[in-house]
C-alpha atoms as a PDB file:
ATOM      1  CA  MET A   1     -26.254  -5.996 136.031  1.00  0.00           C
ATOM      2  CA  GLY A   2     -23.031  -5.736 134.159  1.00  0.00           C
ATOM      3  CA  ALA A   3     -20.459  -8.290 132.854  1.00  0.00           C
ATOM      4  CA  TYR A   4     -16.779  -8.984 132.582  1.00  0.00           C
ATOM      5  CA  VAL A   5     -14.824  -9.638 129.496  1.00  0.00           C
ATOM      6  CA  TYR A   6     -11.691 -11.704 130.174  1.00  0.00           C
ATOM      7  CA  MET A   7      -8.725 -13.262 128.444  1.00  0.00           C
ATOM      8  CA  LEU A   8      -7.082 -16.491 129.539  1.00  0.00           C
ATOM      9  CA  ALA A   9      -3.648 -17.973 128.560  1.00  0.00           C
ATOM     10  CA  CYS A  10      -4.073 -21.675 127.954  1.00  0.00           C
ATOM     11  CA  SER A  11      -1.494 -24.307 128.703  1.00  0.00           C
ATOM     12  CA  ASP A  12      -0.946 -24.826 124.910  1.00  0.00           C
ATOM     13  CA  GLY A  13       0.075 -21.160 124.455  1.00  0.00           C
ATOM     14  CA  SER A  14      -3.321 -20.148 122.962  1.00  0.00           C
ATOM     15  CA  TYR A  15      -5.648 -17.365 124.245  1.00  0.00           C
ATOM     16  CA  TYR A  16      -9.303 -17.660 125.149  1.00  0.00           C
ATOM     17  CA  VAL A  17     -11.519 -14.671 125.256  1.00  0.00           C
ATOM     18  CA  GLY A  18     -14.941 -14.958 127.043  1.00  0.00           C
ATOM     19  CA  SER A  19     -17.457 -13.034 129.047  1.00  0.00           C
ATOM     20  CA  ALA A  20     -19.254 -13.541 132.350  1.00  0.00           C
ATOM     21  CA  THR A  21     -22.342 -11.804 133.449  1.00  0.00           C
ATOM     22  CA  GLY A  22     -22.618 -10.798 137.018  1.00  0.00           C
ATOM     23  CA  SER A  23     -19.873  -9.812 139.492  1.00  0.00           C
ATOM     24  CA  ASP A  24     -18.110 -13.174 140.159  1.00  0.00           C
ATOM     25  CA  LEU A  25     -15.316 -13.394 137.603  1.00  0.00           C
ATOM     26  CA  ASN A  26     -13.319 -15.644 139.974  1.00  0.00           C
ATOM     27  CA  ARG A  27     -16.115 -18.314 139.873  1.00  0.00           C
ATOM     28  CA  ARG A  28     -16.004 -18.304 136.044  1.00  0.00           C
ATOM     29  CA  ILE A  29     -12.226 -18.686 136.042  1.00  0.00           C
ATOM     30  CA  ASP A  30     -12.540 -21.571 138.618  1.00  0.00           C
ATOM     31  CA  GLU A  31     -15.079 -23.276 136.225  1.00  0.00           C
ATOM     32  CA  HIS A  32     -12.547 -23.089 133.328  1.00  0.00           C
ATOM     33  CA  GLN A  33      -9.701 -24.372 135.596  1.00  0.00           C
ATOM     34  CA  SER A  34     -11.669 -27.307 136.879  1.00  0.00           C
ATOM     35  CA  GLY A  35     -12.846 -28.352 133.438  1.00  0.00           C
ATOM     36  CA  GLU A  36     -16.507 -27.699 134.540  1.00  0.00           C
ATOM     37  CA  ARG A  37     -16.952 -25.381 131.538  1.00  0.00           C
ATOM     38  CA  PRO A  38     -17.105 -27.523 128.397  1.00  0.00           C
ATOM     39  CA  GLY A  39     -15.480 -26.274 125.281  1.00  0.00           C
ATOM     40  CA  TYR A  40     -12.171 -24.655 124.216  1.00  0.00           C
ATOM     41  CA  THR A  41     -10.465 -24.470 127.588  1.00  0.00           C
ATOM     42  CA  GLN A  42     -11.446 -27.889 128.868  1.00  0.00           C
ATOM     43  CA  SER A  43      -8.560 -29.630 127.111  1.00  0.00           C
ATOM     44  CA  ARG A  44      -6.058 -26.754 127.460  1.00  0.00           C
ATOM     45  CA  ARG A  45      -5.871 -26.471 131.320  1.00  0.00           C
ATOM     46  CA  PRO A  46      -4.436 -25.057 133.336  1.00  0.00           C
ATOM     47  CA  VAL A  47      -5.473 -21.644 132.361  1.00  0.00           C
ATOM     48  CA  ARG A  48      -4.375 -18.246 133.719  1.00  0.00           C
ATOM     49  CA  LEU A  49      -6.274 -14.991 133.703  1.00  0.00           C
ATOM     50  CA  ILE A  50      -4.170 -12.347 131.882  1.00  0.00           C
ATOM     51  CA  TRP A  51      -6.642  -9.524 131.253  1.00  0.00           C
ATOM     52  CA  SER A  52     -10.169  -8.572 132.230  1.00  0.00           C
ATOM     53  CA  ASP A  53     -12.505  -5.552 132.231  1.00  0.00           C
ATOM     54  CA  TYR A  54     -15.903  -4.871 133.623  1.00  0.00           C
ATOM     55  CA  PHE A  55     -18.739  -3.196 131.735  1.00  0.00           C
ATOM     56  CA  ASP A  56     -21.859  -1.847 133.257  1.00  0.00           C
ATOM     57  CA  ARG A  57     -23.930  -3.048 130.342  1.00  0.00           C
ATOM     58  CA  VAL A  58     -23.956  -6.676 129.234  1.00  0.00           C
ATOM     59  CA  THR A  59     -24.441  -5.553 125.583  1.00  0.00           C
ATOM     60  CA  ASP A  60     -21.296  -3.594 125.787  1.00  0.00           C
ATOM     61  CA  ALA A  61     -19.373  -6.538 127.181  1.00  0.00           C
ATOM     62  CA  ILE A  62     -20.642  -8.836 124.462  1.00  0.00           C
ATOM     63  CA  ALA A  63     -19.626  -6.342 121.754  1.00  0.00           C
ATOM     64  CA  VAL A  64     -16.106  -6.087 123.231  1.00  0.00           C
ATOM     65  CA  GLU A  65     -15.852  -9.900 123.482  1.00  0.00           C
ATOM     66  CA  ARG A  66     -16.726 -10.256 119.793  1.00  0.00           C
ATOM     67  CA  ARG A  67     -14.250  -7.589 118.758  1.00  0.00           C
ATOM     68  CA  LEU A  68     -11.367  -9.105 120.783  1.00  0.00           C
ATOM     69  CA  LYS A  69     -12.062 -12.568 119.376  1.00  0.00           C
ATOM     70  CA  GLY A  70     -11.252 -11.009 115.919  1.00  0.00           C
ATOM     71  CA  TRP A  71      -7.927  -9.536 117.061  1.00  0.00           C
ATOM     72  CA  SER A  72      -4.577 -10.964 116.106  1.00  0.00           C
ATOM     73  CA  ARG A  73      -2.486 -12.777 118.706  1.00  0.00           C
ATOM     74  CA  ALA A  74      -0.048  -9.867 118.801  1.00  0.00           C
ATOM     75  CA  LYS A  75      -2.747  -7.352 119.557  1.00  0.00           C
ATOM     76  CA  LYS A  76      -4.223  -9.550 122.295  1.00  0.00           C
ATOM     77  CA  THR A  77      -0.763  -9.960 123.774  1.00  0.00           C
ATOM     78  CA  ALA A  78      -0.277  -6.160 123.817  1.00  0.00           C
ATOM     79  CA  LEU A  79      -3.701  -5.664 125.465  1.00  0.00           C
ATOM     80  CA  ALA A  80      -2.827  -8.237 128.139  1.00  0.00           C
ATOM     81  CA  LYS A  81       0.485  -6.361 128.831  1.00  0.00           C
ATOM     82  CA  GLY A  82      -1.283  -2.990 128.948  1.00  0.00           C
ATOM     83  CA  ASP A  83       0.867  -1.855 125.959  1.00  0.00           C
ATOM     84  CA  TRP A  84      -1.545   0.643 124.379  1.00  0.00           C
ATOM     85  CA  ASP A  85       0.976   1.986 121.961  1.00  0.00           C
ATOM     86  CA  SER A  86       1.307  -1.428 120.453  1.00  0.00           C
ATOM     87  CA  VAL A  87      -2.430  -1.932 120.433  1.00  0.00           C
ATOM     88  CA  ARG A  88      -2.851   1.291 118.507  1.00  0.00           C
ATOM     89  CA  HIS A  89      -0.035   0.458 116.102  1.00  0.00           C
ATOM     90  CA  LEU A  90      -1.371  -3.062 115.493  1.00  0.00           C
ATOM     91  CA  ALA A  91      -4.887  -1.664 114.875  1.00  0.00           C
ATOM     92  CA  LYS A  92      -3.509   0.132 111.778  1.00  0.00           C
ATOM     93  CA  ARG A  93      -2.135  -3.090 110.284  1.00  0.00           C
ATOM     94  CA  ARG A  94      -3.917  -5.681 108.129  1.00  0.00           C
ATOM     95  CA  GLY A  95      -2.507  -9.125 107.312  1.00  0.00           C
ATOM     96  CA  GLY A  96       0.720  -8.291 109.011  1.00  0.00           C
ATOM     97  CA  LEU A  97       1.743  -5.427 106.754  1.00  0.00           C
ATOM     98  CA  ALA A  98       1.516  -1.763 107.647  1.00  0.00           C
ATOM     99  CA  LYS A  99      -0.870   0.224 105.512  1.00  0.00           C
ATOM    100  CA  SER A 100       0.981   2.405 103.123  1.00  0.00           C
ATOM    101  CA  ARG A 101      -0.079   5.918 102.256  1.00  0.00           C
ATOM    102  CA  PRO A 102      -0.720   6.851  98.689  1.00  0.00           C
ATOM    103  CA  SER A 103       2.165   8.698  97.085  1.00  0.00           C
ATOM    104  CA  SER A 104       1.559  12.270  96.073  1.00  0.00           C
END
């Protein structure tokens, strides 16, 4: 059994990243939407699914979820838009500043 990793846009403009084992991502989103899932999204409804991906192994999904939770808002936005050039560019940045190369 695999799992989904997903990202929600919340009513306050924040993003929520989560995972759901099994094959019913819609049921999990409905739980967030209804307030049935306690936690972060409960007071930030309505929510909207902006990105998801399915992984055959639950361990892979959990690893991706943890990685995405550490990403900047800009990088999450680029992922949601499918803007891979920006995701790659933002991956090279730390603290909002582009890494500089040592001068020769």
